[in-house]
Amino acid sequence: MKKLKGYIGPLGDDIPSIFPIVFAVLIFTGTIIYANQLISSKAKQLEIREGAVSLSYLVTETGFTKAETLEKACDEKVKPRAASLSVKYLITLKRFCDGIPIDFKSTASELNPYTPETEKTSTFYIDKSTLAGETWTWCSNDLEIPASGLFEQPKDSVLMSFPVAVPCPDFDSFTNGLGVVNVVAWK
């Protein structure tokens, strides 16, 4: 009987060709899982953005805002809409009767919106105050937000700011000035 050199058997000869096939299947499966994770994270971000736009519209639909108007809109319109979208939010209203203080030569992020510090998340002062430039009123549906002090913007949140007319120079004046509504939404 002739000796066959290098012949292991019918299964033994096919084993080396199985490794590249298994490796290719693992790479393909990993790529599909990675793409699925990217798509789901983008979809979550779009849901948050949709929620922020929807809540922003409810707060700024008249273009004129008083503290009582914002608080009433939050209770009657914003909270139910945020619950239906499963979005948490913080809405602040600030008055700038003398204009917004901006210094483009400054490196402080509160004076220059184009500084590198603006890459960080924003901090919101949620102490209510009638002074110009400070938070006049705010509302939220998140129970973890402190009643006063600082609130650090969550990492995967969307921040939108809109100009509105507010009573100036006093909170009960008949003349209007510049106000800013900040809407922060997250999940």
Protein backbone atom coordinates (compact mmCIF):
# COMPACT_ATOMS: atom_id res chain seq x y z
CA MET A 1 0.00 0.00 0.00
CA LYS A 2 1.28 3.38 -0.91
CA LYS A 3 1.97 5.85 1.87
CA LEU A 4 0.28 9.23 1.37
CA LYS A 5 2.55 11.92 2.77
CA GLY A 6 0.85 14.94 4.38
CA TYR A 7 -2.60 13.41 4.28
CA ILE A 8 -4.31 13.74 7.67
CA GLY A 9 -7.75 12.65 6.68
CA PRO A 10 -10.89 14.10 5.16
CA LEU A 11 -11.54 16.42 8.13
CA GLY A 12 -7.93 17.21 8.95
CA ASP A 13 -7.19 18.73 5.59
CA ASP A 14 -10.14 21.20 5.87
CA ILE A 15 -9.28 22.58 9.34
CA PRO A 16 -6.77 25.24 8.12
CA SER A 17 -9.37 26.70 5.75
CA ILE A 18 -11.97 27.01 8.56
CA PHE A 19 -9.94 29.64 10.51
CA PRO A 20 -10.14 32.43 7.87
CA ILE A 21 -13.87 31.76 7.43
CA VAL A 22 -14.53 32.03 11.20
CA PHE A 23 -12.35 35.17 11.39
CA ALA A 24 -14.29 36.78 8.52
CA VAL A 25 -17.65 35.95 10.15
CA LEU A 26 -16.46 37.51 13.45
CA ILE A 27 -15.31 40.70 11.70
CA PHE A 28 -18.60 40.94 9.80
CA THR A 29 -20.66 40.43 12.99
CA GLY A 30 -18.56 42.98 14.90
CA THR A 31 -19.02 45.55 12.14
CA ILE A 32 -22.80 45.08 12.16
CA ILE A 33 -22.95 45.43 15.97
CA TYR A 34 -20.77 48.58 15.87
CA ALA A 35 -22.92 50.15 13.14
CA ASN A 36 -26.07 49.33 15.12
CA GLN A 37 -24.66 51.07 18.21
CA LEU A 38 -23.78 54.18 16.17
CA ILE A 39 -27.25 54.30 14.65
CA SER A 40 -28.97 53.92 18.02
CA SER A 41 -26.84 56.67 19.63
CA LYS A 42 -27.62 59.05 16.73
CA ALA A 43 -31.31 58.16 16.97
CA LYS A 44 -31.27 58.92 20.71
CA GLN A 45 -29.59 62.29 20.06
CA LEU A 46 -32.20 63.11 17.41
CA GLU A 47 -35.00 62.23 19.85
CA ILE A 48 -33.51 64.58 22.43
CA ARG A 49 -33.15 67.34 19.81
CA GLU A 50 -36.75 66.82 18.69
CA GLY A 51 -37.87 67.11 22.30
CA ALA A 52 -35.87 70.30 22.83
CA VAL A 53 -37.33 71.89 19.68
CA SER A 54 -40.86 70.89 20.67
CA LEU A 55 -40.49 72.28 24.20
CA SER A 56 -38.84 75.43 22.86
CA TYR A 57 -41.79 76.10 20.60
CA LEU A 58 -44.24 75.78 23.51
CA VAL A 59 -42.25 78.27 25.60
CA THR A 60 -41.51 80.84 22.89
CA GLU A 61 -44.68 80.69 20.79
CA THR A 62 -45.80 84.20 21.79
CA GLY A 63 -42.36 85.86 21.72
CA PHE A 64 -43.16 87.72 24.95
CA THR A 65 -42.51 86.12 28.32
CA LYS A 66 -43.14 87.03 31.92
CA ALA A 67 -42.22 84.85 34.88
CA GLU A 68 -45.88 83.93 35.41
CA THR A 69 -46.33 83.13 31.71
CA LEU A 70 -43.36 80.75 31.71
CA GLU A 71 -44.46 79.00 34.90
CA LYS A 72 -48.00 78.59 33.54
CA ALA A 73 -46.70 77.25 30.19
CA CYS A 74 -44.44 74.80 32.03
CA ASP A 75 -47.30 73.41 34.10
CA GLU A 76 -49.96 73.27 31.40
CA LYS A 77 -48.06 72.57 28.16
CA VAL A 78 -44.41 71.68 28.64
CA LYS A 79 -44.66 68.97 31.34
CA PRO A 80 -47.24 66.86 29.45
CA ARG A 81 -45.32 67.20 26.17
CA ALA A 82 -42.01 66.26 27.84
CA ALA A 83 -43.67 63.24 29.46
CA SER A 84 -44.98 62.07 26.08
CA LEU A 85 -41.49 62.41 24.56
CA SER A 86 -39.75 60.88 27.63
CA VAL A 87 -37.45 63.90 27.89
CA LYS A 88 -36.15 65.65 30.98
CA TYR A 89 -35.71 69.41 30.72
CA LEU A 90 -34.59 72.60 32.40
CA ILE A 91 -35.94 75.89 31.08
CA THR A 92 -34.48 79.16 32.36
CA LEU A 93 -35.54 82.73 31.61
CA LYS A 94 -33.00 85.54 31.97
CA ARG A 95 -33.48 89.29 31.55
CA PHE A 96 -30.83 91.51 29.95
CA CYS A 97 -32.32 94.98 30.08
CA ASP A 98 -28.94 96.68 29.47
CA GLY A 99 -27.83 94.19 26.79
CA ILE A 100 -25.83 91.00 27.03
CA PRO A 101 -22.29 91.62 28.32
CA ILE A 102 -19.91 90.36 25.61
CA ASP A 103 -16.17 90.97 25.33
CA PHE A 104 -14.63 89.17 22.35
CA LYS A 105 -11.10 89.82 23.66
CA SER A 106 -11.84 88.02 26.93
CA THR A 107 -10.99 84.38 27.55
CA ALA A 108 -13.84 83.92 30.03
CA SER A 109 -16.63 81.79 28.57
CA GLU A 110 -19.37 83.96 30.12
CA LEU A 111 -18.12 87.03 28.22
CA ASN A 112 -16.88 85.48 24.96
CA PRO A 113 -18.93 82.67 23.38
CA TYR A 114 -16.07 81.75 21.05
CA THR A 115 -13.46 80.79 23.66
CA PRO A 116 -12.15 77.22 23.86
CA GLU A 117 -13.81 76.91 27.27
CA THR A 118 -17.19 76.68 25.55
CA GLU A 119 -16.42 73.07 24.57
CA LYS A 120 -17.26 72.15 28.16
CA THR A 121 -20.83 71.73 29.28
CA SER A 122 -22.56 74.85 30.58
CA THR A 123 -23.37 75.56 34.20
CA PHE A 124 -26.72 77.16 34.99
CA TYR A 125 -27.40 79.27 38.04
CA ILE A 126 -30.93 78.43 39.04
CA ASP A 127 -31.32 80.88 41.90
CA LYS A 128 -34.31 83.07 41.10
CA SER A 129 -33.48 86.76 40.99
CA THR A 130 -35.08 89.92 39.63
CA LEU A 131 -31.67 91.41 38.77
CA ALA A 132 -30.79 91.85 35.10
CA GLY A 133 -28.63 89.05 33.67
CA GLU A 134 -29.57 86.51 36.32
CA THR A 135 -32.10 83.70 36.15
CA TRP A 136 -35.49 85.29 36.56
CA THR A 137 -37.42 82.05 36.71
CA TRP A 138 -36.95 78.41 35.75
CA CYS A 139 -38.86 75.15 35.57
CA SER A 140 -37.97 71.48 35.22
CA ASN A 141 -39.43 68.00 35.45
CA ASP A 142 -36.26 66.43 36.89
CA LEU A 143 -36.45 65.92 40.65
CA GLU A 144 -32.65 65.73 40.99
CA ILE A 145 -32.20 69.42 40.16
CA PRO A 146 -31.49 71.43 43.31
CA ALA A 147 -33.95 74.17 44.26
CA SER A 148 -31.14 76.73 44.13
CA GLY A 149 -27.47 76.86 43.31
CA LEU A 150 -25.64 75.41 40.31
CA PHE A 151 -26.87 72.88 37.79
CA GLU A 152 -24.28 71.22 35.56
CA GLN A 153 -25.59 70.50 32.08
CA PRO A 154 -25.78 66.71 31.47
CA LYS A 155 -23.29 65.26 28.98
CA ASP A 156 -25.69 64.06 26.26
CA SER A 157 -28.02 67.03 26.44
CA VAL A 158 -29.19 69.58 23.89
CA LEU A 159 -29.06 73.29 24.71
CA MET A 160 -31.11 75.82 22.76
CA SER A 161 -31.27 79.54 23.47
CA PHE A 162 -33.91 81.92 22.12
CA PRO A 163 -34.39 85.68 22.44
CA VAL A 164 -37.74 86.86 23.81
CA ALA A 165 -39.22 90.15 24.91
CA VAL A 166 -39.40 90.65 28.68
CA PRO A 167 -40.55 93.55 30.82
CA CYS A 168 -37.66 95.98 31.46
CA PRO A 169 -36.24 97.75 33.47
CA ASP A 170 -38.38 96.28 36.27
CA PHE A 171 -40.11 92.90 36.32
CA ASP A 172 -43.53 94.63 36.19
CA SER A 173 -42.68 97.36 33.62
CA PHE A 174 -44.81 98.13 30.59
CA THR A 175 -41.73 98.53 28.36
CA ASN A 176 -39.95 95.55 26.84
CA GLY A 177 -36.31 94.54 26.73
CA LEU A 178 -34.18 91.56 25.80
CA GLY A 179 -34.68 88.22 27.48
CA VAL A 180 -33.16 84.81 26.79
CA VAL A 181 -34.91 81.48 27.21
CA ASN A 182 -32.53 78.54 27.59
CA VAL A 183 -33.98 75.07 27.00
CA VAL A 184 -31.84 72.12 28.09
CA ALA A 185 -33.20 68.67 27.23
CA TRP A 186 -31.77 65.23 27.98
CA LYS A 187 -32.81 61.62 28.58
